Amino acid sequence: MKKINWGIIGLGNIAKSFSEGFFEANNSKLLAVSSLNQQKQNFFKQKFKIDEKFIFKNYEDLLDCDDIDIVYVTLPNNFHYRWIDKCIEKNKNILVEKPAFIYEENAKNIYKKIQNKNLFFSEGYAYRFNPLIHKLIEIIKNEELGKMISMKSNFCKNILTKKKFLFFEKKRKIDENSRLFNKQLGGGCILDLGCYPISLTLLLASLFRDLNINNFKLKNIKKQIGITNVEIDAEIEVIFENGFTSKVKSSFINPIGSDTIILFEKGYIKIKNTWTGETEILKFKNGKKELFKNNVNRNIYSYEIVEVSKSILENRNKPYFPGTNINETVLNTKILESWLNA
């Protein structure tokens, strides 16, 4: 079987977790990596058995490597646009870690360039390839519970205080240079976490027949700004022209988790741990509960790697549904930027 050769620029925690997915992907190979940090270079070389000649000390050299079919960009948010643009210059297919862009204008520019080059592009929302998301889509399309009315989706965690000890909480020391808390790097809970439930909102809204998901209103926007001038708690409500409503919350201070509830005419669905491989779907109808769980304990990124590689092998410039395409990325960026600037 022919395999797609991957290169990764930026070797942070996400890159490590993602790369472990190659152990379970039979149509793909992690061929090359690039980092400015020699310790990270050595770690990836040893753990993922990468040949020395494919360990690059700068990103440009990796992009110049003819053996690489697709580049996964996992740099901090503020660097995405520049290096996506560089990938296009070098005719490389692209997967970029979420959120792809901070500004809608940048997303639109890349949209135009991608069309002209006919390159593959997708934004890295791995949850989209979770088999349970496919099951969710099937339930919605079959209208087992009737039509969707509304949804509420969270991605919240407490990363600003330490665990309670004798009923007291202690504030963690904030590293202002961390990408999470540095505004110049695209930090804050909206871009880091809020992008996920906004992405799910757009996915579910797209399942309505004859609904133009470009037409929506944003209401009830709330933000709490932390000491480094990035938001640490935020809420928004997205209302579509057919009345479908999505309430979204992201937070660095509220440990309520990452569940989603979808209300239908004849019942509701609760998705536990929406964004991970440990997802569970509970369907409630007429007082009866039905539970769906993944039967295979598998790295969630491996699903994404396999499907993206399949698309490239078939000369597609976008992933199969429900993967995120460039049109949806532009819309997602528009909502995030409006939320940030409200």
Protein backbone atom coordinates (compact mmCIF):
# COMPACT_ATOMS: atom_id res chain seq x y z
CA MET A 1 0.00 0.00 0.00
CA LYS A 2 1.25 3.44 -0.89
CA LYS A 3 1.79 5.66 2.14
CA ILE A 4 1.52 9.41 2.52
CA ASN A 5 4.67 10.98 3.96
CA TRP A 6 4.04 13.57 6.65
CA GLY A 7 6.23 16.37 7.97
CA ILE A 8 5.54 18.33 11.16
CA ILE A 9 6.73 21.85 11.97
CA GLY A 10 6.53 22.76 15.65
CA LEU A 11 7.02 19.94 18.16
CA GLY A 12 4.90 20.82 21.18
CA ASN A 13 2.57 18.58 23.19
CA ILE A 14 -0.05 18.35 20.44
CA ALA A 15 2.56 17.24 17.91
CA LYS A 16 3.64 14.45 20.27
CA SER A 17 0.10 13.17 20.86
CA PHE A 18 -0.70 13.44 17.15
CA SER A 19 2.47 11.59 16.14
CA GLU A 20 1.54 8.61 18.32
CA GLY A 21 -1.40 8.17 15.95
CA PHE A 22 0.97 7.04 13.19
CA PHE A 23 1.49 3.76 15.07
CA GLU A 24 -2.11 2.89 14.11
CA ALA A 25 -2.27 4.43 10.64
CA ASN A 26 -1.44 1.98 7.83
CA ASN A 27 -1.60 4.48 4.95
CA SER A 28 0.73 7.08 6.48
CA LYS A 29 4.25 7.63 7.71
CA LEU A 30 5.77 10.32 9.89
CA LEU A 31 8.78 11.02 7.71
CA ALA A 32 10.14 14.36 8.92
CA VAL A 33 9.98 16.89 11.74
CA SER A 34 11.33 20.38 12.30
CA SER A 35 11.96 22.30 15.49
CA LEU A 36 14.28 25.01 16.73
CA ASN A 37 14.72 22.98 19.92
CA GLN A 38 17.39 20.27 19.71
CA GLN A 39 15.98 18.36 22.70
CA LYS A 40 12.64 18.03 20.91
CA GLN A 41 14.42 17.01 17.71
CA ASN A 42 16.19 14.20 19.56
CA PHE A 43 13.02 13.05 21.32
CA PHE A 44 11.07 12.70 18.06
CA LYS A 45 14.01 11.06 16.31
CA GLN A 46 14.21 8.34 18.94
CA LYS A 47 10.54 7.81 19.76
CA PHE A 48 9.27 7.79 16.18
CA LYS A 49 12.36 6.28 14.49
CA ILE A 50 12.93 9.22 12.15
CA ASP A 51 15.99 9.15 9.92
CA GLU A 52 18.59 11.79 10.79
CA LYS A 53 18.36 13.35 7.31
CA PHE A 54 14.69 14.15 7.97
CA ILE A 55 15.32 15.98 11.26
CA PHE A 56 15.33 19.64 10.24
CA LYS A 57 16.58 22.52 12.35
CA ASN A 58 14.50 25.09 10.51
CA TYR A 59 11.04 25.00 8.97
CA GLU A 60 12.07 26.17 5.49
CA ASP A 61 14.30 23.13 4.98
CA LEU A 62 11.44 20.78 5.80
CA LEU A 63 9.18 22.56 3.29
CA ASP A 64 11.91 22.17 0.65
CA CYS A 65 11.98 18.40 1.13
CA ASP A 66 10.47 16.78 -2.00
CA ASP A 67 9.68 13.54 -0.16
CA ILE A 68 7.01 15.17 2.03
CA ASP A 69 3.39 15.00 0.83
CA ILE A 70 1.70 16.98 3.61
CA VAL A 71 2.82 19.34 6.36
CA TYR A 72 1.14 19.47 9.76
CA VAL A 73 1.54 22.99 11.22
CA THR A 74 1.45 22.92 15.04
CA LEU A 75 3.10 26.24 15.82
CA PRO A 76 1.52 28.84 18.14
CA ASN A 77 -1.63 30.43 16.69
CA ASN A 78 -0.01 33.68 15.58
CA PHE A 79 2.45 31.81 13.31
CA HIS A 80 -0.16 29.73 11.45
CA TYR A 81 -0.93 32.19 8.67
CA ARG A 82 2.72 32.81 7.78
CA TRP A 83 3.65 29.14 7.58
CA ILE A 84 0.47 28.04 5.83
CA ASP A 85 1.31 30.66 3.22
CA LYS A 86 4.84 29.22 2.98
CA CYS A 87 3.42 25.70 2.54
CA ILE A 88 1.31 26.94 -0.37
CA GLU A 89 4.39 28.57 -1.94
CA LYS A 90 6.13 25.18 -1.78
CA ASN A 91 3.07 23.28 -3.11
CA LYS A 92 2.61 21.31 0.10
CA ASN A 93 -0.71 19.91 1.27
CA ILE A 94 -1.67 21.27 4.68
CA LEU A 95 -3.20 20.21 7.97
CA VAL A 96 -3.06 23.01 10.53
CA GLU A 97 -3.76 22.69 14.23
CA LYS A 98 -6.85 24.54 15.39
CA PRO A 99 -7.59 27.39 15.32
CA ALA A 100 -6.20 27.83 11.83
CA PHE A 101 -6.34 31.62 11.92
CA ILE A 102 -6.90 34.52 14.28
CA TYR A 103 -8.25 36.91 11.64
CA GLU A 104 -10.99 36.32 9.07
CA GLU A 105 -9.04 38.34 6.49
CA ASN A 106 -6.15 35.85 6.72
CA ALA A 107 -8.51 32.92 6.34
CA LYS A 108 -10.02 34.46 3.20
CA ASN A 109 -6.56 35.11 1.72
CA ILE A 110 -5.56 31.49 2.20
CA TYR A 111 -8.91 30.37 0.75
CA LYS A 112 -8.10 32.18 -2.50
CA LYS A 113 -4.56 30.81 -2.68
CA ILE A 114 -5.68 27.24 -1.97
CA GLN A 115 -8.20 27.39 -4.82
CA ASN A 116 -5.56 28.60 -7.25
CA LYS A 117 -3.12 25.84 -6.29
CA ASN A 118 -5.64 23.01 -5.80
CA LEU A 119 -3.87 21.83 -2.63
CA PHE A 120 -5.40 19.86 0.22
CA PHE A 121 -6.24 21.97 3.28
CA SER A 122 -7.93 21.11 6.55
CA GLU A 123 -8.08 22.43 10.09
CA GLY A 124 -7.17 19.91 12.76
CA TYR A 125 -10.31 19.14 14.73
CA ALA A 126 -9.58 15.49 15.48
CA TYR A 127 -12.95 14.94 17.22
CA ARG A 128 -14.60 15.17 13.77
CA PHE A 129 -13.13 11.76 12.88
CA ASN A 130 -14.29 10.05 16.08
CA PRO A 131 -16.62 7.16 15.05
CA LEU A 132 -19.13 8.38 17.63
CA ILE A 133 -19.45 11.71 15.81
CA HIS A 134 -20.44 9.71 12.74
CA LYS A 135 -23.04 7.95 14.91
CA LEU A 136 -24.33 11.31 16.14
CA ILE A 137 -24.70 12.56 12.57
CA GLU A 138 -26.59 9.38 11.65
CA ILE A 139 -29.06 9.87 14.52
CA ILE A 140 -29.66 13.49 13.56
CA LYS A 141 -30.08 12.77 9.84
CA ASN A 142 -32.50 9.91 10.52
CA GLU A 143 -34.56 12.29 12.70
CA GLU A 144 -34.94 9.59 15.35
CA LEU A 145 -35.55 12.36 17.87
CA GLY A 146 -37.19 14.77 15.48
CA LYS A 147 -35.56 18.01 14.49
CA MET A 148 -32.85 19.75 16.50
CA ILE A 149 -34.00 22.74 18.52
CA SER A 150 -30.88 23.91 20.35
CA MET A 151 -27.54 22.87 21.78
CA LYS A 152 -25.23 23.80 24.62
CA SER A 153 -21.56 22.94 24.37
CA ASN A 154 -18.66 23.54 26.76
CA PHE A 155 -14.92 23.25 26.74
CA CYS A 156 -13.87 24.37 30.19
CA LYS A 157 -11.07 23.51 32.59
CA ASN A 158 -9.48 25.08 35.62
CA ILE A 159 -5.81 25.75 34.90
CA LEU A 160 -5.45 28.81 37.14
CA THR A 161 -5.78 27.27 40.60
CA LYS A 162 -4.26 24.24 42.26
CA LYS A 163 -6.33 21.50 43.82
CA LYS A 164 -8.06 22.21 47.09
CA PHE A 165 -6.16 21.50 50.29
CA LEU A 166 -8.02 21.88 53.58
CA PHE A 167 -10.80 23.68 51.64
CA PHE A 168 -8.41 26.29 50.26
CA GLU A 169 -7.37 26.90 46.67
CA LYS A 170 -4.05 28.33 45.65
CA LYS A 171 -3.59 30.34 42.47
CA ARG A 172 -1.07 28.96 40.00
CA LYS A 173 1.74 31.21 38.84
CA ILE A 174 1.01 32.34 35.30
CA ASP A 175 3.80 32.22 32.73
CA GLU A 176 3.14 35.32 30.63
CA ASN A 177 5.26 33.86 27.83
CA SER A 178 3.06 30.77 27.59
CA ARG A 179 1.03 30.62 24.37
CA LEU A 180 -2.12 30.21 26.51
CA PHE A 181 -1.72 33.55 28.27
CA ASN A 182 0.16 35.64 25.73
CA LYS A 183 -2.10 37.82 23.57
CA GLN A 184 0.57 38.23 20.89
CA LEU A 185 0.73 34.45 20.47
CA GLY A 186 -3.05 34.17 20.11
CA GLY A 187 -3.68 33.08 23.69
CA GLY A 188 -6.90 33.00 25.69
CA CYS A 189 -9.68 30.50 26.23
CA ILE A 190 -11.68 31.51 23.13
CA LEU A 191 -9.01 30.52 20.62
CA ASP A 192 -7.62 27.62 22.65
CA LEU A 193 -10.89 25.99 23.73
CA GLY A 194 -13.89 27.93 22.42
CA CYS A 195 -13.02 27.08 18.82
CA TYR A 196 -14.10 23.47 19.45
CA PRO A 197 -17.76 24.05 20.38
CA ILE A 198 -18.03 26.71 17.65
CA SER A 199 -16.78 24.08 15.19
CA LEU A 200 -19.38 21.59 16.46
CA THR A 201 -22.07 24.27 16.21
CA LEU A 202 -21.30 24.76 12.52
CA LEU A 203 -21.17 21.02 11.90
CA LEU A 204 -24.60 20.39 13.42
CA ALA A 205 -26.15 23.46 11.81
CA SER A 206 -24.94 22.20 8.41
CA LEU A 207 -27.15 19.11 8.86
CA PHE A 208 -30.33 21.15 8.46
CA ARG A 209 -31.83 20.98 5.00
CA ASP A 210 -32.00 24.34 3.21
CA LEU A 211 -30.21 26.28 5.96
CA ASN A 212 -27.54 28.78 4.97
CA ILE A 213 -25.14 28.54 7.90
CA ASN A 214 -23.50 31.80 6.85
CA ASN A 215 -26.55 33.65 8.19
CA PHE A 216 -26.45 33.90 11.98
CA LYS A 217 -26.50 36.35 14.86
CA LEU A 218 -24.21 36.45 17.87
CA LYS A 219 -25.78 37.36 21.20
CA ASN A 220 -25.21 37.27 24.96
CA ILE A 221 -21.45 37.59 24.66
CA LYS A 222 -19.59 37.56 27.98
CA LYS A 223 -15.88 37.66 28.68
CA GLN A 224 -13.67 37.79 31.76
CA ILE A 225 -10.20 39.17 31.06
CA GLY A 226 -7.25 37.92 33.11
CA ILE A 227 -4.13 39.71 34.32
CA THR A 228 -2.26 39.04 31.05
CA ASN A 229 -5.03 40.71 29.02
CA VAL A 230 -6.43 37.50 27.52
CA GLU A 231 -9.89 36.13 28.24
CA ILE A 232 -9.99 33.39 30.89
CA ASP A 233 -13.76 32.79 30.78
CA ALA A 234 -16.11 33.44 27.88
CA GLU A 235 -19.63 32.72 26.59
CA ILE A 236 -21.51 33.31 23.36
CA GLU A 237 -24.83 32.38 21.76
CA VAL A 238 -25.06 31.64 18.02
CA ILE A 239 -28.56 31.96 16.54
CA PHE A 240 -29.31 30.76 12.99
CA GLU A 241 -32.11 32.01 10.74
CA ASN A 242 -34.22 28.87 11.31
CA GLY A 243 -34.16 29.43 15.09
CA PHE A 244 -31.53 26.80 15.91
CA THR A 245 -29.51 28.14 18.84
CA SER A 246 -26.13 27.16 20.23
CA LYS A 247 -24.86 28.33 23.62
CA VAL A 248 -21.09 27.99 23.91
CA LYS A 249 -18.78 28.38 26.89
CA SER A 250 -15.00 28.17 27.23
CA SER A 251 -12.95 28.74 30.34
CA PHE A 252 -9.56 28.50 32.02
CA ILE A 253 -11.14 28.91 35.49
CA ASN A 254 -14.37 26.88 35.44
CA PRO A 255 -13.87 23.09 35.70
CA ILE A 256 -17.30 22.11 34.32
CA GLY A 257 -15.76 19.94 31.61
CA SER A 258 -16.45 19.36 27.96
CA ASP A 259 -19.97 17.98 27.63
CA THR A 260 -22.53 18.86 24.98
CA ILE A 261 -26.32 18.65 25.21
CA ILE A 262 -28.49 18.72 22.08
CA LEU A 263 -32.24 19.26 22.48
CA PHE A 264 -34.63 17.73 19.92
CA GLU A 265 -38.41 17.67 19.46
CA LYS A 266 -38.70 14.15 20.93
CA GLY A 267 -35.78 13.93 23.34
CA TYR A 268 -32.18 14.93 23.81
CA ILE A 269 -28.60 13.74 23.45
CA LYS A 270 -25.78 14.23 25.91
CA ILE A 271 -22.22 13.89 24.66
CA LYS A 272 -19.72 13.29 27.45
CA ASN A 273 -16.10 14.29 26.86
CA THR A 274 -17.02 15.66 23.45
CA TRP A 275 -13.50 16.34 22.18
CA THR A 276 -11.58 13.19 23.19
CA GLY A 277 -11.40 9.51 22.34
CA GLU A 278 -13.17 8.82 25.66
CA THR A 279 -16.41 10.22 24.26
CA GLU A 280 -19.79 8.73 25.18
CA ILE A 281 -23.16 9.51 23.61
CA LEU A 282 -26.34 9.12 25.64
CA LYS A 283 -29.61 9.30 23.72
CA PHE A 284 -32.78 9.99 25.71
CA LYS A 285 -36.21 9.30 24.16
CA ASN A 286 -39.53 8.67 25.92
CA GLY A 287 -37.76 8.28 29.24
CA LYS A 288 -35.43 5.58 27.88
CA LYS A 289 -31.66 5.94 27.70
CA GLU A 290 -29.41 4.41 25.05
CA LEU A 291 -25.63 4.51 25.45
CA PHE A 292 -23.07 4.51 22.62
CA LYS A 293 -19.36 4.02 23.30
CA ASN A 294 -16.29 3.37 21.17
CA ASN A 295 -15.48 -0.34 21.26
CA VAL A 296 -11.89 0.19 20.17
CA ASN A 297 -9.30 1.84 22.40
CA ARG A 298 -7.46 3.79 19.72
CA ASN A 299 -5.52 7.04 19.49
CA ILE A 300 -8.08 9.62 18.31
CA TYR A 301 -5.53 11.30 16.02
CA SER A 302 -5.03 8.06 14.11
CA TYR A 303 -8.54 8.38 12.65
CA GLU A 304 -7.67 11.87 11.43
CA ILE A 305 -4.32 10.81 9.98
CA VAL A 306 -5.88 7.90 8.07
CA GLU A 307 -8.74 9.97 6.63
CA VAL A 308 -6.56 12.93 5.63
CA SER A 309 -4.04 10.59 4.01
CA LYS A 310 -6.86 8.82 2.18
CA SER A 311 -8.04 12.15 0.77
CA ILE A 312 -4.57 12.98 -0.50
CA LEU A 313 -4.12 9.53 -2.04
CA GLU A 314 -7.36 10.18 -3.93
CA ASN A 315 -6.16 13.63 -5.04
CA ARG A 316 -8.85 15.46 -3.09
CA ASN A 317 -8.29 19.05 -1.93
CA LYS A 318 -10.53 18.71 1.13
CA PRO A 319 -11.37 15.97 3.63
CA TYR A 320 -14.42 13.79 3.44
CA PHE A 321 -17.35 14.99 5.55
CA PRO A 322 -17.35 15.64 8.48
CA GLY A 323 -13.74 16.82 8.24
CA THR A 324 -13.26 20.58 8.29
CA ASN A 325 -12.89 22.22 4.88
CA ILE A 326 -11.56 25.69 4.08
CA ASN A 327 -15.04 27.20 3.68
CA GLU A 328 -15.95 26.18 7.21
CA THR A 329 -12.61 27.41 8.52
CA VAL A 330 -13.34 30.88 7.13
CA LEU A 331 -16.73 30.93 8.88
CA ASN A 332 -15.31 29.52 12.11
CA THR A 333 -12.62 32.23 12.11
CA LYS A 334 -15.24 34.92 11.52
CA ILE A 335 -17.19 33.85 14.62
CA LEU A 336 -14.08 33.56 16.79
CA GLU A 337 -12.81 36.98 15.75
CA SER A 338 -16.24 38.55 16.44
CA TRP A 339 -16.30 36.86 19.86
CA LEU A 340 -12.80 38.12 20.66
CA ASN A 341 -13.55 41.70 19.61
CA ALA A 342 -17.03 42.06 21.12
